[in-house]
Amino acid sequence: MVVYVRHADDPTPLICHGVWPGRLLHEPRGEGGFGYDPIFLAPEHNLSAAELTREQKGRVSHRGRALAQLLELLQAGH
């Protein structure tokens, strides 16, 4: 989730949600990332989140998807 607040009293912040479907692995894979990354399988690439490059993870992760949604809204003038 990403929340964009224009100012402290903003009555309508932009709230964007990102979802990253996947599944848990039985064994950790990869050295990158943090937290659950070594046991989270990213089905788009058939790699654990720890095996993805920073760029790949930024495009497919829940945070990356929420940020992309926010950028679209801002570019559309919201």
N, C-alpha and C. Protein backbone atom coordinates (compact mmCIF):
# COMPACT_ATOMS: atom_id res chain seq x y z
N MET A 1 0.85 -1.17 0.00
CA MET A 1 0.00 0.00 0.00
C MET A 1 0.90 1.23 0.00
N VAL A 2 0.49 2.22 -0.78
CA VAL A 2 1.17 3.51 -0.82
C VAL A 2 0.09 4.57 -0.61
N VAL A 3 0.36 5.50 0.28
CA VAL A 3 -0.57 6.60 0.53
C VAL A 3 0.15 7.90 0.24
N TYR A 4 -0.46 8.73 -0.61
CA TYR A 4 0.11 10.03 -0.97
C TYR A 4 -0.77 11.12 -0.36
N VAL A 5 -0.19 11.89 0.56
CA VAL A 5 -0.90 12.97 1.23
C VAL A 5 -0.29 14.28 0.76
N ARG A 6 -1.11 15.16 0.21
CA ARG A 6 -0.62 16.43 -0.34
C ARG A 6 -0.20 17.41 0.75
N HIS A 7 -0.89 17.38 1.88
CA HIS A 7 -0.58 18.23 3.03
C HIS A 7 -1.22 17.61 4.27
N ALA A 8 -0.88 18.11 5.43
CA ALA A 8 -1.32 17.51 6.69
C ALA A 8 -2.84 17.43 6.83
N ASP A 9 -3.56 18.36 6.23
CA ASP A 9 -5.02 18.37 6.35
C ASP A 9 -5.71 17.86 5.09
N ASP A 10 -5.00 17.11 4.26
CA ASP A 10 -5.56 16.60 3.01
C ASP A 10 -6.75 15.67 3.28
N PRO A 11 -7.97 16.06 2.85
CA PRO A 11 -9.15 15.22 3.11
C PRO A 11 -9.25 14.02 2.17
N THR A 12 -8.49 14.02 1.08
CA THR A 12 -8.60 12.93 0.11
C THR A 12 -7.22 12.46 -0.35
N PRO A 13 -6.49 11.78 0.51
CA PRO A 13 -5.19 11.25 0.07
C PRO A 13 -5.40 10.18 -1.00
N LEU A 14 -4.39 9.99 -1.81
CA LEU A 14 -4.44 8.92 -2.81
C LEU A 14 -3.94 7.64 -2.14
N ILE A 15 -4.74 6.61 -2.18
CA ILE A 15 -4.41 5.33 -1.56
C ILE A 15 -4.35 4.28 -2.66
N CYS A 16 -3.20 3.64 -2.79
CA CYS A 16 -3.00 2.65 -3.84
C CYS A 16 -2.59 1.32 -3.22
N HIS A 17 -3.21 0.26 -3.71
CA HIS A 17 -2.94 -1.08 -3.21
C HIS A 17 -2.23 -1.90 -4.27
N GLY A 18 -1.28 -2.69 -3.85
CA GLY A 18 -0.63 -3.62 -4.75
C GLY A 18 -0.74 -5.03 -4.20
N VAL A 19 -0.95 -5.98 -5.09
CA VAL A 19 -1.05 -7.38 -4.70
C VAL A 19 0.01 -8.16 -5.45
N TRP A 20 0.68 -9.05 -4.75
CA TRP A 20 1.71 -9.89 -5.36
C TRP A 20 1.38 -11.34 -5.06
N PRO A 21 0.60 -11.98 -5.94
CA PRO A 21 0.28 -13.38 -5.69
C PRO A 21 1.53 -14.24 -5.81
N GLY A 22 1.58 -15.26 -5.03
CA GLY A 22 2.71 -16.18 -5.06
C GLY A 22 2.45 -17.33 -4.11
N ARG A 23 3.50 -18.07 -3.83
CA ARG A 23 3.36 -19.17 -2.88
C ARG A 23 4.64 -19.32 -2.07
N LEU A 24 4.52 -20.01 -0.97
CA LEU A 24 5.68 -20.22 -0.10
C LEU A 24 6.43 -21.48 -0.54
N LEU A 25 7.73 -21.38 -0.51
CA LEU A 25 8.59 -22.51 -0.84
C LEU A 25 8.90 -23.32 0.41
N HIS A 26 9.23 -24.59 0.23
CA HIS A 26 9.61 -25.44 1.37
C HIS A 26 11.04 -25.16 1.82
N GLU A 27 11.89 -24.74 0.90
CA GLU A 27 13.29 -24.45 1.19
C GLU A 27 13.64 -23.06 0.70
N PRO A 28 14.43 -22.29 1.43
CA PRO A 28 14.85 -20.95 0.99
C PRO A 28 15.69 -21.05 -0.29
N ARG A 29 15.53 -20.03 -1.15
CA ARG A 29 16.32 -19.94 -2.38
C ARG A 29 16.77 -18.50 -2.56
N GLY A 30 18.03 -18.31 -2.92
CA GLY A 30 18.54 -16.98 -3.23
C GLY A 30 19.18 -16.30 -2.04
N GLU A 31 19.96 -15.27 -2.36
CA GLU A 31 20.72 -14.55 -1.35
C GLU A 31 20.25 -13.10 -1.18
N GLY A 32 19.49 -12.59 -2.12
CA GLY A 32 19.09 -11.18 -2.07
C GLY A 32 17.87 -10.96 -1.20
N GLY A 33 17.47 -9.69 -1.13
CA GLY A 33 16.25 -9.34 -0.43
C GLY A 33 16.38 -9.42 1.08
N PHE A 34 15.24 -9.55 1.73
CA PHE A 34 15.18 -9.59 3.19
C PHE A 34 13.89 -10.27 3.60
N GLY A 35 13.77 -10.53 4.88
CA GLY A 35 12.53 -11.09 5.42
C GLY A 35 12.15 -12.40 4.75
N TYR A 36 10.95 -12.45 4.19
CA TYR A 36 10.42 -13.67 3.60
C TYR A 36 10.88 -13.90 2.16
N ASP A 37 11.67 -13.00 1.59
CA ASP A 37 12.07 -13.11 0.18
C ASP A 37 12.61 -14.49 -0.22
N PRO A 38 13.46 -15.13 0.57
CA PRO A 38 13.98 -16.43 0.14
C PRO A 38 12.95 -17.56 0.08
N ILE A 39 11.80 -17.39 0.74
CA ILE A 39 10.80 -18.46 0.71
C ILE A 39 9.53 -18.07 -0.05
N PHE A 40 9.52 -16.89 -0.70
CA PHE A 40 8.35 -16.45 -1.46
C PHE A 40 8.63 -16.66 -2.95
N LEU A 41 7.84 -17.51 -3.61
CA LEU A 41 8.01 -17.78 -5.03
C LEU A 41 7.24 -16.75 -5.84
N ALA A 42 7.93 -16.06 -6.72
CA ALA A 42 7.31 -15.11 -7.65
C ALA A 42 6.97 -15.87 -8.92
N PRO A 43 5.70 -16.22 -9.13
CA PRO A 43 5.33 -17.10 -10.23
C PRO A 43 5.62 -16.51 -11.62
N GLU A 44 5.68 -15.18 -11.73
CA GLU A 44 5.95 -14.55 -13.03
C GLU A 44 7.31 -14.97 -13.58
N HIS A 45 8.24 -15.25 -12.67
CA HIS A 45 9.61 -15.58 -13.07
C HIS A 45 10.04 -16.97 -12.62
N ASN A 46 9.20 -17.65 -11.85
CA ASN A 46 9.53 -18.94 -11.26
C ASN A 46 10.82 -18.86 -10.44
N LEU A 47 10.97 -17.74 -9.75
CA LEU A 47 12.12 -17.50 -8.88
C LEU A 47 11.62 -17.05 -7.52
N SER A 48 12.43 -17.25 -6.50
CA SER A 48 12.08 -16.68 -5.20
C SER A 48 12.29 -15.17 -5.30
N ALA A 49 11.66 -14.43 -4.41
CA ALA A 49 11.85 -12.98 -4.40
C ALA A 49 13.32 -12.63 -4.15
N ALA A 50 14.05 -13.50 -3.44
CA ALA A 50 15.47 -13.27 -3.16
C ALA A 50 16.33 -13.49 -4.40
N GLU A 51 15.82 -14.21 -5.40
CA GLU A 51 16.57 -14.46 -6.63
C GLU A 51 16.33 -13.40 -7.70
N LEU A 52 15.32 -12.57 -7.51
CA LEU A 52 15.01 -11.52 -8.49
C LEU A 52 16.03 -10.38 -8.39
N THR A 53 16.25 -9.70 -9.51
CA THR A 53 17.04 -8.48 -9.45
C THR A 53 16.20 -7.40 -8.78
N ARG A 54 16.83 -6.34 -8.36
CA ARG A 54 16.09 -5.23 -7.76
C ARG A 54 15.05 -4.67 -8.74
N GLU A 55 15.41 -4.61 -10.01
CA GLU A 55 14.50 -4.08 -11.03
C GLU A 55 13.30 -5.00 -11.22
N GLN A 56 13.54 -6.31 -11.30
CA GLN A 56 12.45 -7.27 -11.46
C GLN A 56 11.49 -7.18 -10.27
N LYS A 57 12.06 -7.19 -9.08
CA LYS A 57 11.24 -7.14 -7.88
C LYS A 57 10.44 -5.84 -7.82
N GLY A 58 11.05 -4.74 -8.23
CA GLY A 58 10.35 -3.46 -8.23
C GLY A 58 9.15 -3.42 -9.16
N ARG A 59 9.20 -4.20 -10.22
CA ARG A 59 8.07 -4.23 -11.17
C ARG A 59 6.94 -5.14 -10.71
N VAL A 60 7.26 -6.24 -10.03
CA VAL A 60 6.22 -7.23 -9.73
C VAL A 60 5.79 -7.28 -8.28
N SER A 61 6.52 -6.67 -7.37
CA SER A 61 6.16 -6.75 -5.95
C SER A 61 4.91 -5.92 -5.64
N HIS A 62 4.31 -6.19 -4.52
CA HIS A 62 3.13 -5.44 -4.11
C HIS A 62 3.45 -3.96 -3.95
N ARG A 63 4.64 -3.63 -3.45
CA ARG A 63 5.01 -2.22 -3.31
C ARG A 63 5.22 -1.58 -4.69
N GLY A 64 5.88 -2.30 -5.58
CA GLY A 64 6.11 -1.78 -6.92
C GLY A 64 4.82 -1.54 -7.67
N ARG A 65 3.87 -2.47 -7.53
CA ARG A 65 2.58 -2.32 -8.21
C ARG A 65 1.79 -1.14 -7.64
N ALA A 66 1.83 -0.97 -6.32
CA ALA A 66 1.14 0.16 -5.70
C ALA A 66 1.77 1.48 -6.14
N LEU A 67 3.08 1.52 -6.22
CA LEU A 67 3.77 2.73 -6.65
C LEU A 67 3.46 3.05 -8.12
N ALA A 68 3.40 2.03 -8.97
CA ALA A 68 3.06 2.24 -10.38
C ALA A 68 1.64 2.82 -10.50
N GLN A 69 0.74 2.32 -9.67
CA GLN A 69 -0.63 2.83 -9.66
C GLN A 69 -0.66 4.30 -9.24
N LEU A 70 0.12 4.64 -8.22
CA LEU A 70 0.19 6.03 -7.77
C LEU A 70 0.75 6.93 -8.87
N LEU A 71 1.79 6.50 -9.54
CA LEU A 71 2.37 7.31 -10.61
C LEU A 71 1.36 7.55 -11.72
N GLU A 72 0.57 6.53 -12.07
CA GLU A 72 -0.48 6.70 -13.08
C GLU A 72 -1.49 7.76 -12.64
N LEU A 73 -1.90 7.71 -11.39
CA LEU A 73 -2.87 8.69 -10.89
C LEU A 73 -2.30 10.10 -10.91
N LEU A 74 -1.05 10.24 -10.50
CA LEU A 74 -0.42 11.56 -10.49
C LEU A 74 -0.25 12.10 -11.92
N GLN A 75 0.13 11.24 -12.85
CA GLN A 75 0.29 11.66 -14.24
C GLN A 75 -1.04 12.03 -14.87
N ALA A 76 -2.13 11.44 -14.36
CA ALA A 76 -3.47 11.76 -14.87
C ALA A 76 -4.04 13.03 -14.24
N GLY A 77 -3.28 13.64 -13.34
CA GLY A 77 -3.70 14.91 -12.76
C GLY A 77 -4.43 14.81 -11.44
N HIS A 78 -4.42 13.67 -10.81
CA HIS A 78 -5.09 13.52 -9.50
C HIS A 78 -4.24 14.08 -8.40
